[in-house]
Amino acid sequence: MRKPWLRDAGLFALVIGLGVFLAVEAPRYSALAASLTSNPAPPPIPKEPVTYPEIPVQQPVGAPAMHPTHPGQSPSYTKDELRQYLLNTPGAFGTNKPSAVKITRLDCDTNGGDIGAILGRVNVLPSSMLVCYVEFQGTINYYGLPSQHSPRGTFLTFNTGFRVFDIKTGNLLLAGALDHASGSQ
Protein backbone atom coordinates (compact mmCIF):
# COMPACT_ATOMS: atom_id res chain seq x y z
CA MET A 1 0.00 0.00 0.00
CA ARG A 2 1.37 3.33 -1.02
CA LYS A 3 1.40 6.35 1.13
CA PRO A 4 -0.32 9.27 -0.63
CA TRP A 5 1.42 11.89 1.49
CA LEU A 6 4.82 10.61 0.24
CA ARG A 7 3.76 11.14 -3.36
CA ASP A 8 2.44 14.61 -2.56
CA ALA A 9 5.69 15.52 -0.78
CA GLY A 10 7.72 14.38 -3.83
CA LEU A 11 5.61 16.47 -6.22
CA PHE A 12 5.88 19.45 -3.88
CA ALA A 13 9.71 19.13 -3.81
CA LEU A 14 9.80 18.83 -7.63
CA VAL A 15 7.69 21.96 -8.10
CA ILE A 16 9.81 23.95 -5.62
CA GLY A 17 13.05 22.75 -7.32
CA LEU A 18 11.75 23.66 -10.76
CA GLY A 19 10.68 27.11 -9.49
CA VAL A 20 14.13 27.79 -8.02
CA PHE A 21 15.82 26.64 -11.26
CA LEU A 22 13.64 28.94 -13.39
CA ALA A 23 14.15 31.87 -11.01
CA VAL A 24 17.93 31.51 -11.35
CA GLU A 25 18.19 30.71 -15.08
CA ALA A 26 15.39 32.82 -16.66
CA PRO A 27 17.10 36.23 -16.22
CA ARG A 28 20.24 34.87 -17.84
CA TYR A 29 18.36 33.67 -20.96
CA SER A 30 16.22 36.80 -21.26
CA ALA A 31 19.34 39.02 -21.14
CA LEU A 32 20.96 36.89 -23.87
CA ALA A 33 17.81 37.04 -26.01
CA ALA A 34 17.58 40.82 -25.58
CA SER A 35 21.20 41.30 -26.65
CA LEU A 36 20.70 39.15 -29.75
CA THR A 37 17.55 40.94 -30.90
CA SER A 38 18.54 44.54 -30.20
CA ASN A 39 19.84 46.51 -33.18
CA PRO A 40 23.28 48.00 -32.65
CA ALA A 41 23.79 51.64 -33.47
CA PRO A 42 24.95 52.24 -37.06
CA PRO A 43 28.52 53.42 -37.53
CA PRO A 44 28.99 57.18 -37.75
CA ILE A 45 28.96 58.78 -41.20
CA PRO A 46 32.48 60.02 -42.04
CA LYS A 47 32.87 63.77 -42.57
CA GLU A 48 35.86 63.43 -44.92
CA PRO A 49 35.93 61.53 -48.25
CA VAL A 50 36.62 57.85 -47.74
CA THR A 51 39.80 56.49 -49.31
CA TYR A 52 40.53 52.84 -49.91
CA PRO A 53 43.87 51.11 -50.41
CA GLU A 54 44.87 50.72 -54.03
CA ILE A 55 44.28 47.26 -55.42
CA PRO A 56 47.35 45.92 -57.21
CA VAL A 57 46.91 45.20 -60.92
CA GLN A 58 47.10 41.50 -61.66
CA GLN A 59 48.07 39.99 -64.96
CA PRO A 60 45.60 37.51 -66.47
CA VAL A 61 46.58 33.95 -65.65
CA GLY A 62 44.64 31.95 -68.22
CA ALA A 63 44.30 28.19 -68.49
CA PRO A 64 47.33 25.91 -68.61
CA ALA A 65 48.16 25.03 -72.21
CA MET A 66 51.67 25.17 -73.67
CA HIS A 67 54.58 24.01 -71.55
CA PRO A 68 57.43 26.51 -71.92
CA THR A 69 60.56 24.85 -73.29
CA HIS A 70 62.70 27.98 -72.82
CA PRO A 71 61.70 29.31 -69.36
CA GLY A 72 62.92 32.81 -68.60
CA GLN A 73 63.15 33.70 -72.28
CA SER A 74 60.66 35.67 -74.31
CA PRO A 75 58.97 33.83 -75.91
CA SER A 76 59.36 30.76 -73.73
CA TYR A 77 58.50 28.50 -76.69
CA THR A 78 58.98 28.65 -80.45
CA LYS A 79 56.34 29.30 -83.10
CA ASP A 80 56.84 25.77 -84.38
CA GLU A 81 56.24 24.33 -80.90
CA LEU A 82 53.03 26.35 -80.69
CA ARG A 83 51.95 25.12 -84.13
CA GLN A 84 52.64 21.50 -83.10
CA TYR A 85 50.74 21.99 -79.85
CA LEU A 86 47.67 23.22 -81.74
CA LEU A 87 47.83 20.43 -84.32
CA ASN A 88 48.16 17.73 -81.65
CA THR A 89 45.72 18.98 -79.01
CA PRO A 90 42.12 17.77 -79.26
CA GLY A 91 39.64 20.65 -79.26
CA ALA A 92 42.18 23.31 -80.27
CA PHE A 93 40.08 24.03 -83.37
CA GLY A 94 36.61 23.45 -81.90
CA THR A 95 35.15 20.07 -82.84
CA ASN A 96 37.13 19.96 -86.08
CA LYS A 97 40.14 17.86 -86.90
CA PRO A 98 43.33 19.84 -87.50
CA SER A 99 43.32 18.73 -91.15
CA ALA A 100 40.05 20.66 -91.71
CA VAL A 101 41.56 23.94 -90.53
CA LYS A 102 44.42 26.07 -91.82
CA ILE A 103 46.52 28.27 -89.50
CA THR A 104 46.59 31.63 -91.30
CA ARG A 105 48.38 33.76 -88.71
CA LEU A 106 50.80 32.91 -85.93
CA ASP A 107 52.26 36.08 -84.41
CA CYS A 108 54.38 36.04 -81.23
CA ASP A 109 55.52 39.67 -81.60
CA THR A 110 52.29 41.23 -80.37
CA ASN A 111 50.88 42.62 -77.13
CA GLY A 112 47.53 42.93 -75.37
CA GLY A 113 46.78 46.30 -76.98
CA ASP A 114 47.20 44.79 -80.45
CA ILE A 115 44.78 41.98 -79.54
CA GLY A 116 42.13 44.55 -78.59
CA ALA A 117 42.55 46.18 -81.99
CA ILE A 118 42.41 42.83 -83.83
CA LEU A 119 39.23 41.76 -82.02
CA GLY A 120 37.63 45.20 -82.16
CA ARG A 121 37.56 45.56 -78.38
CA VAL A 122 39.31 47.97 -76.05
CA ASN A 123 41.35 46.71 -73.07
CA VAL A 124 40.87 43.01 -73.68
CA LEU A 125 44.29 42.41 -72.13
CA PRO A 126 46.82 44.77 -70.56
CA SER A 127 48.58 46.59 -73.40
CA SER A 128 52.03 45.81 -71.97
CA MET A 129 51.40 42.04 -71.88
CA LEU A 130 53.29 40.09 -74.55
CA VAL A 131 51.23 37.38 -76.24
CA CYS A 132 51.13 35.00 -79.18
CA TYR A 133 48.09 35.39 -81.44
CA VAL A 134 47.00 32.44 -83.58
CA GLU A 135 44.28 32.75 -86.19
CA PHE A 136 42.91 29.84 -88.21
CA GLN A 137 40.33 29.46 -90.98
CA GLY A 138 38.07 26.75 -92.26
CA THR A 139 34.72 25.45 -91.13
CA ILE A 140 35.08 25.76 -87.37
CA ASN A 141 32.35 24.18 -85.26
CA TYR A 142 31.54 24.88 -81.63
CA TYR A 143 28.69 23.84 -79.39
CA GLY A 144 26.77 26.79 -77.95
CA LEU A 145 25.10 26.91 -74.56
CA PRO A 146 21.63 25.48 -73.99
CA SER A 147 18.73 27.92 -74.13
CA GLN A 148 14.98 27.89 -73.73
CA HIS A 149 14.55 27.31 -77.48
CA SER A 150 17.39 24.81 -77.75
CA PRO A 151 17.74 22.83 -74.50
CA ARG A 152 20.50 20.62 -75.95
CA GLY A 153 22.55 23.60 -77.10
CA THR A 154 23.12 25.11 -80.50
CA PHE A 155 25.74 23.93 -82.95
CA LEU A 156 27.60 27.02 -84.23
CA THR A 157 29.81 27.26 -87.30
CA PHE A 158 32.42 29.95 -87.92
CA ASN A 159 34.88 30.72 -90.71
CA THR A 160 37.68 32.13 -88.54
CA GLY A 161 38.85 31.21 -85.05
CA PHE A 162 41.60 32.51 -82.79
CA ARG A 163 43.67 31.65 -79.71
CA VAL A 164 45.80 33.99 -77.58
CA PHE A 165 48.65 32.54 -75.49
CA ASP A 166 50.77 34.17 -72.79
CA ILE A 167 54.29 34.44 -74.20
CA LYS A 168 55.92 33.74 -70.80
CA THR A 169 53.79 30.95 -69.32
CA GLY A 170 52.22 29.39 -72.42
CA ASN A 171 48.78 29.67 -70.80
CA LEU A 172 45.73 30.09 -73.03
CA LEU A 173 44.33 33.58 -72.33
CA LEU A 174 41.59 33.96 -74.96
CA ALA A 175 39.85 31.65 -77.38
CA GLY A 176 37.01 32.33 -79.74
CA ALA A 177 35.78 32.72 -83.26
CA LEU A 178 35.10 35.50 -85.73
CA ASP A 179 33.00 35.67 -88.90
CA HIS A 180 29.94 33.78 -87.75
CA ALA A 181 28.90 31.62 -90.70
CA SER A 182 25.76 29.86 -89.50
CA GLY A 183 24.00 28.15 -86.66
CA SER A 184 21.79 25.10 -86.53
CA GLN A 185 19.83 23.34 -83.85
C-alpha atoms as a PDB file:
ATOM      1  CA  MET A   1       0.000   0.000   0.000  1.00  0.00           C
ATOM      2  CA  ARG A   2       1.370   3.330  -1.016  1.00  0.00           C
ATOM      3  CA  LYS A   3       1.402   6.352   1.131  1.00  0.00           C
ATOM      4  CA  PRO A   4      -0.319   9.273  -0.634  1.00  0.00           C
ATOM      5  CA  TRP A   5       1.420  11.889   1.494  1.00  0.00           C
ATOM      6  CA  LEU A   6       4.819  10.607   0.238  1.00  0.00           C
ATOM      7  CA  ARG A   7       3.759  11.139  -3.357  1.00  0.00           C
ATOM      8  CA  ASP A   8       2.439  14.608  -2.564  1.00  0.00           C
ATOM      9  CA  ALA A   9       5.689  15.524  -0.784  1.00  0.00           C
ATOM     10  CA  GLY A  10       7.719  14.383  -3.827  1.00  0.00           C
ATOM     11  CA  LEU A  11       5.615  16.470  -6.220  1.00  0.00           C
ATOM     12  CA  PHE A  12       5.878  19.445  -3.878  1.00  0.00           C
ATOM     13  CA  ALA A  13       9.706  19.126  -3.809  1.00  0.00           C
ATOM     14  CA  LEU A  14       9.804  18.832  -7.630  1.00  0.00           C
ATOM     15  CA  VAL A  15       7.686  21.964  -8.099  1.00  0.00           C
ATOM     16  CA  ILE A  16       9.809  23.945  -5.620  1.00  0.00           C
ATOM     17  CA  GLY A  17      13.053  22.754  -7.322  1.00  0.00           C
ATOM     18  CA  LEU A  18      11.752  23.663 -10.760  1.00  0.00           C
ATOM     19  CA  GLY A  19      10.675  27.110  -9.488  1.00  0.00           C
ATOM     20  CA  VAL A  20      14.131  27.790  -8.019  1.00  0.00           C
ATOM     21  CA  PHE A  21      15.820  26.640 -11.261  1.00  0.00           C
ATOM     22  CA  LEU A  22      13.636  28.943 -13.391  1.00  0.00           C
ATOM     23  CA  ALA A  23      14.147  31.874 -11.011  1.00  0.00           C
ATOM     24  CA  VAL A  24      17.929  31.513 -11.351  1.00  0.00           C
ATOM     25  CA  GLU A  25      18.193  30.710 -15.078  1.00  0.00           C
ATOM     26  CA  ALA A  26      15.394  32.816 -16.663  1.00  0.00           C
ATOM     27  CA  PRO A  27      17.098  36.225 -16.223  1.00  0.00           C
ATOM     28  CA  ARG A  28      20.242  34.873 -17.836  1.00  0.00           C
ATOM     29  CA  TYR A  29      18.360  33.670 -20.959  1.00  0.00           C
ATOM     30  CA  SER A  30      16.219  36.796 -21.259  1.00  0.00           C
ATOM     31  CA  ALA A  31      19.337  39.021 -21.142  1.00  0.00           C
ATOM     32  CA  LEU A  32      20.961  36.892 -23.866  1.00  0.00           C
ATOM     33  CA  ALA A  33      17.810  37.043 -26.012  1.00  0.00           C
ATOM     34  CA  ALA A  34      17.584  40.817 -25.579  1.00  0.00           C
ATOM     35  CA  SER A  35      21.203  41.301 -26.654  1.00  0.00           C
ATOM     36  CA  LEU A  36      20.700  39.152 -29.751  1.00  0.00           C
ATOM     37  CA  THR A  37      17.548  40.941 -30.897  1.00  0.00           C
ATOM     38  CA  SER A  38      18.542  44.539 -30.205  1.00  0.00           C
ATOM     39  CA  ASN A  39      19.840  46.509 -33.183  1.00  0.00           C
ATOM     40  CA  PRO A  40      23.279  48.001 -32.651  1.00  0.00           C
ATOM     41  CA  ALA A  41      23.788  51.645 -33.469  1.00  0.00           C
ATOM     42  CA  PRO A  42      24.947  52.238 -37.061  1.00  0.00           C
ATOM     43  CA  PRO A  43      28.525  53.420 -37.530  1.00  0.00           C
ATOM     44  CA  PRO A  44      28.988  57.183 -37.751  1.00  0.00           C
ATOM     45  CA  ILE A  45      28.964  58.784 -41.204  1.00  0.00           C
ATOM     46  CA  PRO A  46      32.480  60.020 -42.038  1.00  0.00           C
ATOM     47  CA  LYS A  47      32.866  63.771 -42.573  1.00  0.00           C
ATOM     48  CA  GLU A  48      35.857  63.429 -44.915  1.00  0.00           C
ATOM     49  CA  PRO A  49      35.935  61.526 -48.249  1.00  0.00           C
ATOM     50  CA  VAL A  50      36.622  57.847 -47.738  1.00  0.00           C
ATOM     51  CA  THR A  51      39.795  56.490 -49.311  1.00  0.00           C
ATOM     52  CA  TYR A  52      40.534  52.841 -49.911  1.00  0.00           C
ATOM     53  CA  PRO A  53      43.865  51.114 -50.409  1.00  0.00           C
ATOM     54  CA  GLU A  54      44.873  50.723 -54.026  1.00  0.00           C
ATOM     55  CA  ILE A  55      44.278  47.256 -55.416  1.00  0.00           C
ATOM     56  CA  PRO A  56      47.348  45.920 -57.206  1.00  0.00           C
ATOM     57  CA  VAL A  57      46.914  45.202 -60.916  1.00  0.00           C
ATOM     58  CA  GLN A  58      47.101  41.503 -61.663  1.00  0.00           C
ATOM     59  CA  GLN A  59      48.068  39.992 -64.963  1.00  0.00           C
ATOM     60  CA  PRO A  60      45.596  37.512 -66.470  1.00  0.00           C
ATOM     61  CA  VAL A  61      46.580  33.954 -65.648  1.00  0.00           C
ATOM     62  CA  GLY A  62      44.637  31.950 -68.224  1.00  0.00           C
ATOM     63  CA  ALA A  63      44.298  28.192 -68.491  1.00  0.00           C
ATOM     64  CA  PRO A  64      47.334  25.907 -68.614  1.00  0.00           C
ATOM     65  CA  ALA A  65      48.156  25.029 -72.208  1.00  0.00           C
ATOM     66  CA  MET A  66      51.672  25.175 -73.674  1.00  0.00           C
ATOM     67  CA  HIS A  67      54.584  24.014 -71.546  1.00  0.00           C
ATOM     68  CA  PRO A  68      57.434  26.508 -71.917  1.00  0.00           C
ATOM     69  CA  THR A  69      60.558  24.854 -73.295  1.00  0.00           C
ATOM     70  CA  HIS A  70      62.704  27.977 -72.820  1.00  0.00           C
ATOM     71  CA  PRO A  71      61.696  29.305 -69.356  1.00  0.00           C
ATOM     72  CA  GLY A  72      62.920  32.811 -68.602  1.00  0.00           C
ATOM     73  CA  GLN A  73      63.146  33.701 -72.279  1.00  0.00           C
ATOM     74  CA  SER A  74      60.655  35.674 -74.314  1.00  0.00           C
ATOM     75  CA  PRO A  75      58.972  33.832 -75.913  1.00  0.00           C
ATOM     76  CA  SER A  76      59.361  30.755 -73.728  1.00  0.00           C
ATOM     77  CA  TYR A  77      58.504  28.501 -76.689  1.00  0.00           C
ATOM     78  CA  THR A  78      58.979  28.651 -80.450  1.00  0.00           C
ATOM     79  CA  LYS A  79      56.340  29.304 -83.097  1.00  0.00           C
ATOM     80  CA  ASP A  80      56.842  25.773 -84.382  1.00  0.00           C
ATOM     81  CA  GLU A  81      56.237  24.334 -80.897  1.00  0.00           C
ATOM     82  CA  LEU A  82      53.029  26.354 -80.690  1.00  0.00           C
ATOM     83  CA  ARG A  83      51.945  25.124 -84.126  1.00  0.00           C
ATOM     84  CA  GLN A  84      52.640  21.498 -83.098  1.00  0.00           C
ATOM     85  CA  TYR A  85      50.744  21.995 -79.849  1.00  0.00           C
ATOM     86  CA  LEU A  86      47.669  23.218 -81.737  1.00  0.00           C
ATOM     87  CA  LEU A  87      47.828  20.434 -84.325  1.00  0.00           C
ATOM     88  CA  ASN A  88      48.164  17.726 -81.652  1.00  0.00           C
ATOM     89  CA  THR A  89      45.717  18.977 -79.011  1.00  0.00           C
ATOM     90  CA  PRO A  90      42.116  17.766 -79.257  1.00  0.00           C
ATOM     91  CA  GLY A  91      39.637  20.648 -79.260  1.00  0.00           C
ATOM     92  CA  ALA A  92      42.179  23.307 -80.270  1.00  0.00           C
ATOM     93  CA  PHE A  93      40.077  24.029 -83.372  1.00  0.00           C
ATOM     94  CA  GLY A  94      36.612  23.449 -81.901  1.00  0.00           C
ATOM     95  CA  THR A  95      35.154  20.066 -82.841  1.00  0.00           C
ATOM     96  CA  ASN A  96      37.126  19.957 -86.081  1.00  0.00           C
ATOM     97  CA  LYS A  97      40.136  17.857 -86.899  1.00  0.00           C
ATOM     98  CA  PRO A  98      43.334  19.840 -87.504  1.00  0.00           C
ATOM     99  CA  SER A  99      43.323  18.733 -91.152  1.00  0.00           C
ATOM    100  CA  ALA A 100      40.047  20.655 -91.707  1.00  0.00           C
ATOM    101  CA  VAL A 101      41.556  23.939 -90.530  1.00  0.00           C
ATOM    102  CA  LYS A 102      44.417  26.071 -91.820  1.00  0.00           C
ATOM    103  CA  ILE A 103      46.518  28.272 -89.498  1.00  0.00           C
ATOM    104  CA  THR A 104      46.588  31.626 -91.298  1.00  0.00           C
ATOM    105  CA  ARG A 105      48.382  33.763 -88.711  1.00  0.00           C
ATOM    106  CA  LEU A 106      50.804  32.912 -85.928  1.00  0.00           C
ATOM    107  CA  ASP A 107      52.262  36.079 -84.409  1.00  0.00           C
ATOM    108  CA  CYS A 108      54.384  36.045 -81.234  1.00  0.00           C
ATOM    109  CA  ASP A 109      55.517  39.667 -81.598  1.00  0.00           C
ATOM    110  CA  THR A 110      52.291  41.226 -80.366  1.00  0.00           C
ATOM    111  CA  ASN A 111      50.877  42.623 -77.134  1.00  0.00           C
ATOM    112  CA  GLY A 112      47.530  42.929 -75.368  1.00  0.00           C
ATOM    113  CA  GLY A 113      46.779  46.301 -76.978  1.00  0.00           C
ATOM    114  CA  ASP A 114      47.203  44.788 -80.449  1.00  0.00           C
ATOM    115  CA  ILE A 115      44.777  41.977 -79.540  1.00  0.00           C
ATOM    116  CA  GLY A 116      42.133  44.548 -78.592  1.00  0.00           C
ATOM    117  CA  ALA A 117      42.550  46.184 -81.995  1.00  0.00           C
ATOM    118  CA  ILE A 118      42.406  42.834 -83.833  1.00  0.00           C
ATOM    119  CA  LEU A 119      39.230  41.759 -82.020  1.00  0.00           C
ATOM    120  CA  GLY A 120      37.632  45.201 -82.163  1.00  0.00           C
ATOM    121  CA  ARG A 121      37.558  45.557 -78.376  1.00  0.00           C
ATOM    122  CA  VAL A 122      39.305  47.969 -76.049  1.00  0.00           C
ATOM    123  CA  ASN A 123      41.346  46.708 -73.070  1.00  0.00           C
ATOM    124  CA  VAL A 124      40.866  43.005 -73.684  1.00  0.00           C
ATOM    125  CA  LEU A 125      44.292  42.407 -72.126  1.00  0.00           C
ATOM    126  CA  PRO A 126      46.820  44.770 -70.557  1.00  0.00           C
ATOM    127  CA  SER A 127      48.581  46.594 -73.399  1.00  0.00           C
ATOM    128  CA  SER A 128      52.027  45.807 -71.965  1.00  0.00           C
ATOM    129  CA  MET A 129      51.400  42.042 -71.876  1.00  0.00           C
ATOM    130  CA  LEU A 130      53.285  40.095 -74.549  1.00  0.00           C
ATOM    131  CA  VAL A 131      51.226  37.378 -76.237  1.00  0.00           C
ATOM    132  CA  CYS A 132      51.125  34.998 -79.181  1.00  0.00           C
ATOM    133  CA  TYR A 133      48.091  35.389 -81.441  1.00  0.00           C
ATOM    134  CA  VAL A 134      46.999  32.438 -83.575  1.00  0.00           C
ATOM    135  CA  GLU A 135      44.277  32.749 -86.193  1.00  0.00           C
ATOM    136  CA  PHE A 136      42.914  29.839 -88.214  1.00  0.00           C
ATOM    137  CA  GLN A 137      40.334  29.456 -90.977  1.00  0.00           C
ATOM    138  CA  GLY A 138      38.074  26.752 -92.257  1.00  0.00           C
ATOM    139  CA  THR A 139      34.721  25.447 -91.129  1.00  0.00           C
ATOM    140  CA  ILE A 140      35.083  25.763 -87.368  1.00  0.00           C
ATOM    141  CA  ASN A 141      32.352  24.178 -85.260  1.00  0.00           C
ATOM    142  CA  TYR A 142      31.537  24.879 -81.625  1.00  0.00           C
ATOM    143  CA  TYR A 143      28.688  23.844 -79.395  1.00  0.00           C
ATOM    144  CA  GLY A 144      26.766  26.793 -77.952  1.00  0.00           C
ATOM    145  CA  LEU A 145      25.100  26.906 -74.561  1.00  0.00           C
ATOM    146  CA  PRO A 146      21.632  25.484 -73.988  1.00  0.00           C
ATOM    147  CA  SER A 147      18.730  27.922 -74.127  1.00  0.00           C
ATOM    148  CA  GLN A 148      14.975  27.886 -73.732  1.00  0.00           C
ATOM    149  CA  HIS A 149      14.546  27.311 -77.481  1.00  0.00           C
ATOM    150  CA  SER A 150      17.395  24.811 -77.747  1.00  0.00           C
ATOM    151  CA  PRO A 151      17.740  22.832 -74.498  1.00  0.00           C
ATOM    152  CA  ARG A 152      20.499  20.624 -75.945  1.00  0.00           C
ATOM    153  CA  GLY A 153      22.554  23.602 -77.096  1.00  0.00           C
ATOM    154  CA  THR A 154      23.121  25.113 -80.496  1.00  0.00           C
ATOM    155  CA  PHE A 155      25.742  23.933 -82.950  1.00  0.00           C
ATOM    156  CA  LEU A 156      27.598  27.025 -84.228  1.00  0.00           C
ATOM    157  CA  THR A 157      29.809  27.255 -87.302  1.00  0.00           C
ATOM    158  CA  PHE A 158      32.419  29.945 -87.923  1.00  0.00           C
ATOM    159  CA  ASN A 159      34.877  30.725 -90.707  1.00  0.00           C
ATOM    160  CA  THR A 160      37.683  32.127 -88.536  1.00  0.00           C
ATOM    161  CA  GLY A 161      38.855  31.205 -85.055  1.00  0.00           C
ATOM    162  CA  PHE A 162      41.602  32.511 -82.785  1.00  0.00           C
ATOM    163  CA  ARG A 163      43.671  31.646 -79.710  1.00  0.00           C
ATOM    164  CA  VAL A 164      45.800  33.992 -77.584  1.00  0.00           C
ATOM    165  CA  PHE A 165      48.652  32.542 -75.490  1.00  0.00           C
ATOM    166  CA  ASP A 166      50.770  34.170 -72.788  1.00  0.00           C
ATOM    167  CA  ILE A 167      54.289  34.443 -74.201  1.00  0.00           C
ATOM    168  CA  LYS A 168      55.919  33.735 -70.797  1.00  0.00           C
ATOM    169  CA  THR A 169      53.793  30.946 -69.319  1.00  0.00           C
ATOM    170  CA  GLY A 170      52.222  29.388 -72.416  1.00  0.00           C
ATOM    171  CA  ASN A 171      48.780  29.670 -70.795  1.00  0.00           C
ATOM    172  CA  LEU A 172      45.734  30.092 -73.027  1.00  0.00           C
ATOM    173  CA  LEU A 173      44.326  33.578 -72.331  1.00  0.00           C
ATOM    174  CA  LEU A 174      41.589  33.961 -74.957  1.00  0.00           C
ATOM    175  CA  ALA A 175      39.845  31.649 -77.381  1.00  0.00           C
ATOM    176  CA  GLY A 176      37.007  32.331 -79.745  1.00  0.00           C
ATOM    177  CA  ALA A 177      35.775  32.719 -83.261  1.00  0.00           C
ATOM    178  CA  LEU A 178      35.105  35.505 -85.730  1.00  0.00           C
ATOM    179  CA  ASP A 179      33.001  35.673 -88.904  1.00  0.00           C
ATOM    180  CA  HIS A 180      29.940  33.782 -87.745  1.00  0.00           C
ATOM    181  CA  ALA A 181      28.904  31.622 -90.695  1.00  0.00           C
ATOM    182  CA  SER A 182      25.758  29.855 -89.504  1.00  0.00           C
ATOM    183  CA  GLY A 183      23.996  28.148 -86.657  1.00  0.00           C
ATOM    184  CA  SER A 184      21.785  25.098 -86.527  1.00  0.00           C
ATOM    185  CA  GLN A 185      19.831  23.336 -83.847  1.00  0.00           C
END
